[in-house]
Protein backbone atom coordinates (compact mmCIF):
# COMPACT_ATOMS: atom_id res chain seq x y z
CA MET A 1 26.78 -59.39 19.91
CA ARG A 2 24.80 -61.26 17.29
CA LYS A 3 26.94 -63.86 15.55
CA ASN A 4 27.45 -62.53 11.74
CA SER A 5 27.04 -65.96 9.17
CA THR A 6 29.85 -64.38 7.33
CA LEU A 7 32.50 -63.57 10.35
CA GLY A 8 34.96 -66.27 9.74
CA THR A 9 35.07 -64.66 5.93
CA LEU A 10 35.39 -61.15 7.38
CA SER A 11 38.22 -62.31 9.55
CA ARG A 12 40.27 -63.60 6.95
CA VAL A 13 39.40 -60.26 4.73
CA LEU A 14 40.68 -58.38 7.74
CA ALA A 15 43.58 -60.73 8.35
CA ALA A 16 44.60 -60.08 4.62
CA ALA A 17 44.42 -56.53 5.01
CA ALA A 18 46.13 -56.24 7.72
CA LEU A 19 49.19 -58.33 5.98
CA ALA A 20 48.86 -56.37 3.26
CA GLY A 21 49.26 -53.18 5.21
CA ALA A 22 52.19 -54.46 7.18
CA ALA A 23 53.96 -55.65 4.14
CA CYS A 24 54.05 -51.72 3.06
CA THR A 25 55.22 -50.61 6.37
CA GLY A 26 58.26 -53.11 6.44
CA GLY A 27 56.79 -56.08 8.58
CA THR A 28 54.01 -58.05 10.25
CA SER A 29 52.81 -57.55 13.85
CA THR A 30 51.49 -59.64 16.63
CA GLY A 31 49.60 -56.59 18.19
CA ASP A 32 52.05 -55.84 20.72
CA ASP A 33 55.30 -55.15 18.08
CA ASP A 34 57.48 -52.44 19.40
CA GLY A 35 59.74 -52.87 16.31
CA GLY A 36 61.84 -55.55 18.05
CA ASP A 37 62.29 -59.09 17.23
CA ASP A 38 59.43 -61.48 17.13
CA ASP A 39 58.67 -62.45 20.75
CA GLY A 40 56.95 -65.77 19.46
CA THR A 41 53.59 -64.69 21.01
CA THR A 42 50.53 -65.91 18.74
CA PRO A 43 48.34 -63.02 16.88
CA VAL A 44 45.06 -62.83 18.49
CA ASP A 45 42.10 -62.62 15.91
CA GLU A 46 39.69 -59.37 16.90
CA TRP A 47 36.63 -61.44 15.86
CA ASP A 48 37.13 -64.76 17.68
CA GLN A 49 37.54 -62.43 20.99
CA LYS A 50 34.52 -60.55 20.37
CA LEU A 51 32.49 -63.88 19.78
CA ALA A 52 33.98 -65.34 22.86
CA GLU A 53 32.68 -62.39 24.72
CA ARG A 54 29.10 -62.79 24.00
CA GLU A 55 26.82 -63.93 26.53
CA TYR A 56 23.35 -65.97 26.61
CA ASP A 57 20.45 -63.54 26.34
CA TYR A 58 17.14 -66.03 25.87
CA ASN A 59 14.94 -63.08 26.00
CA ALA A 60 16.35 -61.16 23.62
CA ALA A 61 16.55 -64.60 21.27
CA LEU A 62 13.03 -65.02 22.21
CA ARG A 63 11.63 -61.95 20.74
CA ILE A 64 13.55 -62.58 17.49
CA ALA A 65 12.37 -66.48 17.28
CA SER A 66 8.97 -65.67 17.93
CA LEU A 67 8.87 -62.85 15.14
CA ARG A 68 10.62 -65.21 12.92
CA LEU A 69 8.37 -68.47 13.56
CA THR A 70 5.53 -66.71 14.04
CA GLY A 71 5.26 -63.19 12.72
CA LYS A 72 4.39 -62.03 16.39
CA LEU A 73 6.09 -60.64 19.35
CA PRO A 74 6.08 -63.12 22.28
CA THR A 75 3.44 -62.56 24.92
CA LEU A 76 4.31 -60.82 28.35
CA ALA A 77 3.68 -63.89 29.91
CA GLU A 78 6.02 -65.81 27.84
CA VAL A 79 8.63 -62.75 28.27
CA LYS A 80 8.10 -63.23 31.94
CA ALA A 81 8.58 -67.06 32.26
CA VAL A 82 11.84 -66.55 30.47
CA ALA A 83 13.34 -63.54 33.12
CA ASP A 84 11.92 -65.19 35.90
CA ALA A 85 13.09 -68.79 35.07
CA GLY A 86 16.26 -68.55 37.41
CA ASP A 87 19.64 -69.66 35.71
CA VAL A 88 20.76 -69.75 32.56
CA ALA A 89 20.11 -73.46 32.29
CA ALA A 90 16.64 -73.11 33.43
CA GLN A 91 16.09 -70.33 31.19
CA LYS A 92 17.57 -72.24 28.15
CA ALA A 93 14.71 -75.04 29.02
CA VAL A 94 12.21 -72.72 29.23
CA TYR A 95 13.12 -70.51 26.05
CA GLU A 96 13.28 -74.05 24.09
CA SER A 97 9.87 -74.85 25.15
CA PHE A 98 8.93 -72.02 23.72
CA VAL A 99 10.34 -72.53 20.32
CA ARG A 100 8.96 -76.07 19.96
CA SER A 101 5.53 -74.72 20.84
CA TYR A 102 5.63 -72.18 17.98
CA LEU A 103 6.71 -74.56 15.54
CA ASP A 104 3.33 -76.02 16.00
CA THR A 105 1.28 -73.27 15.30
CA PRO A 106 -0.79 -72.29 12.33
CA GLU A 107 1.54 -69.21 12.45
CA PHE A 108 4.39 -71.22 11.58
CA ALA A 109 2.78 -72.72 8.71
CA GLY A 110 2.10 -69.45 7.66
CA GLN A 111 5.36 -67.74 7.80
CA MET A 112 7.03 -71.17 6.19
CA VAL A 113 4.89 -70.66 2.91
CA ARG A 114 6.03 -66.68 2.93
CA PHE A 115 9.96 -68.38 3.37
CA TRP A 116 9.37 -70.82 0.43
CA ARG A 117 7.73 -67.96 -1.56
CA ASP A 118 10.80 -65.64 -1.24
CA THR A 119 13.26 -68.70 -1.35
CA PHE A 120 11.79 -69.80 -4.97
CA LYS A 121 10.85 -66.15 -6.15
CA MET A 122 7.38 -67.23 -6.89
CA GLY A 123 4.16 -67.30 -5.35
CA GLU A 124 0.75 -65.34 -4.29
CA ALA A 125 -1.48 -67.29 -7.51
CA ALA A 126 -2.64 -70.37 -7.35
CA MET A 127 -0.63 -72.33 -9.50
CA LEU A 128 2.67 -70.22 -8.68
CA ASP A 129 1.88 -70.90 -5.12
CA THR A 130 1.83 -74.93 -5.66
CA ALA A 131 5.93 -75.07 -5.32
CA PRO A 132 6.41 -73.19 -1.99
CA VAL A 133 2.93 -74.53 -0.32
CA PHE A 134 4.60 -77.98 -0.99
CA ALA A 135 7.66 -77.23 0.51
CA ALA A 136 6.33 -75.27 3.72
CA GLN A 137 3.95 -78.80 4.03
CA LEU A 138 7.37 -80.58 4.37
CA THR A 139 8.65 -78.59 6.37
CA VAL A 140 5.65 -78.37 8.92
CA GLU A 141 5.34 -81.76 8.89
CA ASN A 142 9.07 -82.44 9.61
CA ARG A 143 9.56 -84.62 6.72
CA SER A 144 12.59 -84.87 4.67
CA TYR A 145 14.17 -82.48 2.46
CA SER A 146 14.71 -84.99 -0.22
CA GLU A 147 10.90 -84.83 -0.96
CA LEU A 148 11.41 -81.68 -2.83
CA PHE A 149 13.00 -83.64 -5.41
CA THR A 150 11.97 -86.75 -5.04
CA ALA A 151 8.38 -86.97 -3.98
CA THR A 152 5.84 -88.50 -6.86
CA THR A 153 2.34 -87.64 -5.19
CA GLY A 154 1.03 -84.84 -3.19
CA THR A 155 3.24 -82.39 -4.92
CA CYS A 156 0.64 -79.37 -5.77
CA PRO A 157 -1.20 -78.85 -2.11
CA THR A 158 -2.93 -75.89 -1.14
CA PHE A 159 -2.83 -73.69 1.85
CA ASN A 160 -5.52 -72.52 3.78
CA ALA A 161 -3.97 -69.31 5.72
CA ALA A 162 -6.93 -69.43 8.37
CA ASP A 163 -6.00 -72.70 10.20
CA GLY A 164 -2.57 -73.08 8.91
CA THR A 165 -3.66 -76.40 7.30
CA PHE A 166 -2.52 -77.99 3.89
CA THR A 167 -4.73 -80.38 1.69
CA ALA A 168 -2.66 -82.34 -0.51
CA ALA A 169 -3.31 -82.67 -4.33
CA ASP A 170 -1.25 -83.98 -7.18
CA CYS A 171 -0.24 -81.93 -9.90
CA GLN A 172 -2.15 -82.07 -13.15
CA ASN A 173 0.38 -81.19 -15.87
CA GLY A 174 0.90 -84.13 -18.21
CA VAL A 175 3.99 -85.83 -15.80
CA THR A 176 3.95 -89.81 -15.66
CA THR A 177 6.06 -89.84 -12.81
CA HIS A 178 6.72 -86.80 -10.80
CA ALA A 179 9.97 -85.37 -8.96
CA GLY A 180 8.82 -83.14 -6.53
CA VAL A 181 9.22 -79.13 -7.24
CA LEU A 182 11.32 -80.10 -10.32
CA SER A 183 8.45 -81.09 -12.43
CA ASN A 184 5.92 -78.52 -10.74
CA PRO A 185 3.99 -76.82 -13.53
CA GLY A 186 3.98 -73.45 -11.52
CA VAL A 187 7.81 -73.93 -11.51
CA GLN A 188 8.29 -74.38 -15.21
CA ALA A 189 5.50 -71.75 -16.49
CA HIS A 190 7.03 -68.94 -14.58
CA PHE A 191 10.80 -69.68 -15.33
CA TYR A 192 10.09 -70.33 -19.19
CA SER A 193 12.72 -68.82 -21.21
CA ASN A 194 14.86 -69.88 -24.20
CA MET A 195 16.51 -73.14 -24.41
CA ALA A 196 14.93 -73.56 -20.59
CA PHE A 197 18.14 -71.74 -19.01
CA ARG A 198 15.75 -69.88 -16.70
CA ARG A 199 14.41 -73.19 -15.00
CA VAL A 200 18.16 -74.70 -14.56
CA ARG A 201 19.35 -71.53 -13.19
CA TRP A 202 16.43 -71.40 -10.74
CA VAL A 203 17.37 -74.91 -10.01
CA GLN A 204 20.92 -74.09 -9.06
CA GLU A 205 20.50 -71.18 -6.85
CA ALA A 206 17.52 -72.33 -4.97
CA PHE A 207 19.12 -75.51 -3.98
CA ALA A 208 22.78 -74.90 -4.74
CA CYS A 209 22.90 -71.55 -3.36
CA THR A 210 25.27 -70.56 -6.12
CA ALA A 211 24.72 -68.83 -9.35
CA TYR A 212 26.56 -70.21 -12.38
CA PRO A 213 29.51 -71.64 -13.11
CA ALA A 214 28.22 -74.77 -10.72
CA GLU A 215 31.52 -76.45 -11.17
CA ILE A 216 35.02 -75.32 -11.06
CA VAL A 217 38.27 -77.23 -11.29
CA GLU A 218 41.52 -75.86 -9.68
CA GLN A 219 43.45 -75.72 -12.51
CA GLY A 220 42.08 -74.42 -15.89
CA VAL A 221 42.83 -75.28 -19.56
CA GLU A 222 43.91 -72.40 -21.67
CA MET A 223 41.71 -72.11 -24.87
CA GLY A 224 43.26 -69.39 -26.68
CA GLY A 225 40.84 -66.71 -25.25
CA ALA A 226 40.51 -64.04 -22.62
CA GLN A 227 39.92 -66.79 -19.86
CA ALA A 228 40.97 -70.60 -19.21
CA TYR A 229 38.14 -73.26 -19.25
CA THR A 230 37.60 -74.23 -15.50
CA ALA A 231 34.66 -76.82 -16.07
CA PRO A 232 35.32 -80.49 -15.48
CA TRP A 233 33.62 -81.35 -18.78
CA PRO A 234 35.50 -81.80 -21.76
CA PHE A 235 35.34 -78.66 -23.76
CA GLU A 236 33.65 -80.87 -26.80
CA SER A 237 30.65 -82.31 -24.54
CA ILE A 238 28.31 -79.44 -25.50
CA ALA A 239 27.13 -78.15 -28.56
CA GLY A 240 28.95 -75.23 -30.43
CA ALA A 241 29.62 -74.06 -33.99
CA GLY A 242 31.76 -77.19 -34.64
CA ASN A 243 29.58 -79.79 -33.61
CA GLY A 244 26.36 -79.12 -34.65
CA GLY A 245 24.76 -76.45 -32.31
CA THR A 246 23.05 -73.36 -33.65
CA VAL A 247 24.69 -71.67 -30.51
CA ASP A 248 28.25 -71.32 -30.30
CA PHE A 249 28.77 -72.72 -26.61
CA HIS A 250 32.51 -72.72 -27.56
CA ASP A 251 33.20 -69.36 -28.01
CA THR A 252 35.99 -68.11 -26.16
CA SER A 253 36.12 -64.00 -27.55
CA ALA A 254 35.02 -62.18 -24.95
CA VAL A 255 34.11 -64.90 -21.79
CA VAL A 256 34.21 -68.45 -22.15
CA CYS A 257 30.63 -69.51 -22.48
CA ALA A 258 31.53 -73.37 -21.69
CA ASN A 259 32.44 -72.48 -18.21
CA CYS A 260 28.69 -72.01 -17.15
CA HIS A 261 27.22 -74.04 -20.03
CA ALA A 262 28.86 -77.38 -19.37
CA THR A 263 26.67 -77.68 -16.44
CA MET A 264 23.73 -75.75 -17.86
CA ASN A 265 23.76 -77.78 -21.06
CA HIS A 266 23.73 -81.10 -19.54
CA LEU A 267 20.43 -80.01 -17.48
CA ALA A 268 18.50 -77.96 -19.84
CA PRO A 269 17.13 -80.65 -22.00
CA LEU A 270 15.45 -82.21 -19.03
CA PHE A 271 13.35 -79.22 -18.38
CA ALA A 272 12.92 -78.46 -22.09
CA ASN A 273 9.65 -80.52 -23.07
CA PHE A 274 7.35 -78.30 -20.64
CA ASP A 275 5.69 -75.48 -22.53
CA GLU A 276 5.16 -72.15 -21.19
CA ASP A 277 2.15 -73.14 -19.41
CA GLY A 278 4.46 -75.73 -17.59
CA VAL A 279 2.51 -78.49 -19.27
CA LEU A 280 4.75 -81.56 -20.24
CA GLN A 281 4.35 -82.19 -23.82
CA ASN A 282 6.01 -85.04 -26.43
CA THR A 283 8.52 -82.47 -28.26
CA ILE A 284 10.78 -79.74 -27.26
CA GLN A 285 8.69 -76.54 -26.33
CA VAL A 286 11.43 -73.91 -25.64
CA LYS A 287 13.08 -71.65 -28.51
CA THR A 288 16.72 -70.70 -29.33
CA PRO A 289 17.76 -67.40 -29.46
CA ASN A 290 18.25 -67.12 -33.15
CA ASP A 291 16.81 -65.35 -35.56
CA GLY A 292 13.38 -66.06 -35.97
CA ALA A 293 13.21 -68.16 -32.85
CA PRO A 294 13.30 -71.38 -34.13
CA ASP A 295 12.78 -74.32 -31.60
CA ALA A 296 15.56 -75.81 -29.88
CA GLN A 297 16.79 -79.24 -30.91
CA LEU A 298 18.77 -82.04 -28.56
CA SER A 299 21.62 -80.80 -30.75
CA ASP A 300 22.23 -76.96 -29.65
CA TRP A 301 22.88 -78.02 -26.34
CA LEU A 302 24.62 -81.34 -26.79
CA PRO A 303 26.39 -83.01 -29.69
CA ALA A 304 25.44 -86.76 -30.26
CA GLY A 305 25.75 -89.29 -28.00
CA GLU A 306 26.19 -87.11 -24.95
CA ALA A 307 24.12 -87.67 -22.10
CA THR A 308 22.22 -85.72 -19.88
CA ALA A 309 23.38 -85.05 -15.79
CA TRP A 310 23.37 -83.24 -12.71
CA ARG A 311 27.15 -82.90 -12.18
CA PHE A 312 30.26 -84.15 -14.15
CA GLY A 313 30.49 -88.00 -13.33
CA VAL A 314 26.93 -87.84 -12.12
CA PRO A 315 24.35 -88.61 -15.10
CA ALA A 316 20.39 -88.14 -14.78
CA ALA A 317 18.60 -89.71 -17.58
CA ASP A 318 14.94 -88.09 -16.53
CA LEU A 319 13.75 -85.76 -13.75
CA PRO A 320 13.10 -88.42 -11.29
CA ALA A 321 17.22 -89.32 -11.82
CA LEU A 322 17.75 -85.44 -11.43
CA GLY A 323 16.04 -85.92 -7.70
CA GLN A 324 17.79 -88.63 -6.88
CA ALA A 325 21.10 -87.01 -7.89
CA MET A 326 20.26 -83.99 -5.90
CA ALA A 327 18.80 -85.74 -2.63
CA ALA A 328 22.54 -87.40 -2.28
CA ASP A 329 24.56 -84.15 -3.18
CA ALA A 330 26.19 -83.00 0.01
CA LYS A 331 26.28 -79.43 -1.29
CA VAL A 332 22.50 -79.38 -1.52
CA ALA A 333 21.90 -80.07 2.20
CA GLU A 334 24.71 -77.84 3.00
CA CYS A 335 22.81 -74.98 1.04
CA ALA A 336 19.59 -75.76 2.88
CA VAL A 337 21.23 -75.44 6.24
CA ALA A 338 22.71 -72.12 4.84
CA ARG A 339 19.43 -70.66 4.26
CA TYR A 340 17.73 -71.77 7.40
CA TRP A 341 20.65 -70.31 9.08
CA ASN A 342 20.59 -66.70 7.28
CA TRP A 343 16.71 -66.66 7.55
CA ALA A 344 17.17 -67.19 11.53
CA MET A 345 20.08 -64.41 11.44
CA GLY A 346 18.64 -61.93 9.77
CA LYS A 347 20.66 -61.92 6.53
CA GLY A 348 19.58 -61.50 2.98
CA ASP A 349 19.29 -64.10 0.14
CA ILE A 350 22.65 -66.35 0.14
CA VAL A 351 22.65 -65.85 -3.77
CA ASP A 352 21.14 -62.33 -4.61
CA THR A 353 23.13 -60.62 -1.72
CA LEU A 354 26.44 -62.82 -1.36
CA SER A 355 25.39 -63.20 2.12
CA LEU A 356 27.53 -66.40 2.36
CA VAL A 357 27.86 -68.81 5.54
CA PRO A 358 31.22 -70.38 5.97
CA PRO A 359 30.97 -74.20 5.95
CA GLU A 360 32.99 -74.17 9.18
CA THR A 361 30.11 -72.31 11.05
CA ILE A 362 27.50 -74.53 10.04
CA GLN A 363 29.21 -77.83 9.72
CA ALA A 364 27.89 -79.68 12.64
CA HIS A 365 24.28 -78.48 11.70
CA VAL A 366 25.03 -80.04 8.50
CA ALA A 367 26.18 -83.21 9.76
CA SER A 368 23.33 -83.69 12.24
CA PHE A 369 20.59 -82.77 9.08
CA GLN A 370 22.45 -85.33 6.89
CA ALA A 371 22.24 -87.83 9.81
CA SER A 372 18.35 -87.36 10.31
CA GLY A 373 17.91 -87.77 6.50
CA GLY A 374 17.32 -84.19 6.27
CA LEU A 375 14.10 -83.56 8.55
CA MET A 376 13.25 -80.16 8.01
CA LYS A 377 11.53 -78.78 10.96
CA ASP A 378 14.02 -80.71 13.32
CA ALA A 379 16.67 -78.67 11.33
CA ILE A 380 15.16 -75.19 12.30
CA LEU A 381 14.91 -76.11 15.88
CA ALA A 382 18.63 -76.62 15.75
CA VAL A 383 19.43 -72.98 14.53
CA TYR A 384 17.06 -71.52 16.66
CA THR A 385 18.32 -73.19 19.63
CA SER A 386 21.68 -72.68 18.90
CA ASP A 387 24.60 -71.04 20.88
CA ASP A 388 24.84 -68.75 18.36
CA PHE A 389 21.67 -67.80 17.82
CA VAL A 390 20.97 -67.28 21.77
CA LYS A 391 24.22 -65.31 22.50
CA PHE A 392 24.77 -61.74 21.92
């Protein structure tokens, strides 16, 4: 049985349903309850039991790994080599040697370009390919994930699909100091929108693996509307009708706009000077949604004196500072591993399809990823050689 990345969550949902059903019939059950007193036995989690029953199947894992990592089925020789290896330990050694070899093929480079196109939701045109190709190059060369946000040179490479090679190139869009894909012209052009909100949504969903709101406190504050205000920022830290903004982000009549925009408004000005072609200009290039679509002003996002930031308490004065803040964020590292995990396990996009990975499922992988400095190919190898991948 293939481990579902959401089994931990599903188990908790099923347990809650069982408790709800028991409440309707007058009590809880331990699985062998005959209506008498509790005999002190501990309930058995059905899904933990099923997971424990899985067995190693290195040939089944090899077929999946080969398709994911190279786009092709394993050769007959590879299949026989695993099957004839002997005991489980010998099969494991042969299987892992093949996975390592796949990671060094031109086909793997092509698969990584496709993976990052899907992740970034862009590509297949010269400028739009530069960000996914850069991410693929970092992966193939086993470089640090942090370079996605901090690299200052070589951030617009090209890819030769015929031989799986990359050619480094700098982005030429008016940026003095680049910040990985955060200053990429293709990203800025592809996600151009009013007030740069599509750009910050892309950053949040691609690298934090959640939709907005990005920050939620346990105890919200009632603002006289239909919902509570649940962001950690002071309510007046963003613009609204009462403090100079032309868009009322303080509105609470239907939803509490500030729950999302508390974070969004502190990020968006960092991306606002890129025009619709992705070129950095000296002035704000995005519009407001107001009548006539006037150019946005800084006061439309933030009141005077309020600074830009990645998260509450994590200031970011410019894109290089934002990149450093993201590189240091444990949630960003967890998101990276979760995306590799879902890809290996055949799950959908973690945001679009809510294919969530319980943190405890990948906890060891995340810790190893962080300890390595975010080495990208090593993280993929760890997932494809994990017990959860090779047990069925």
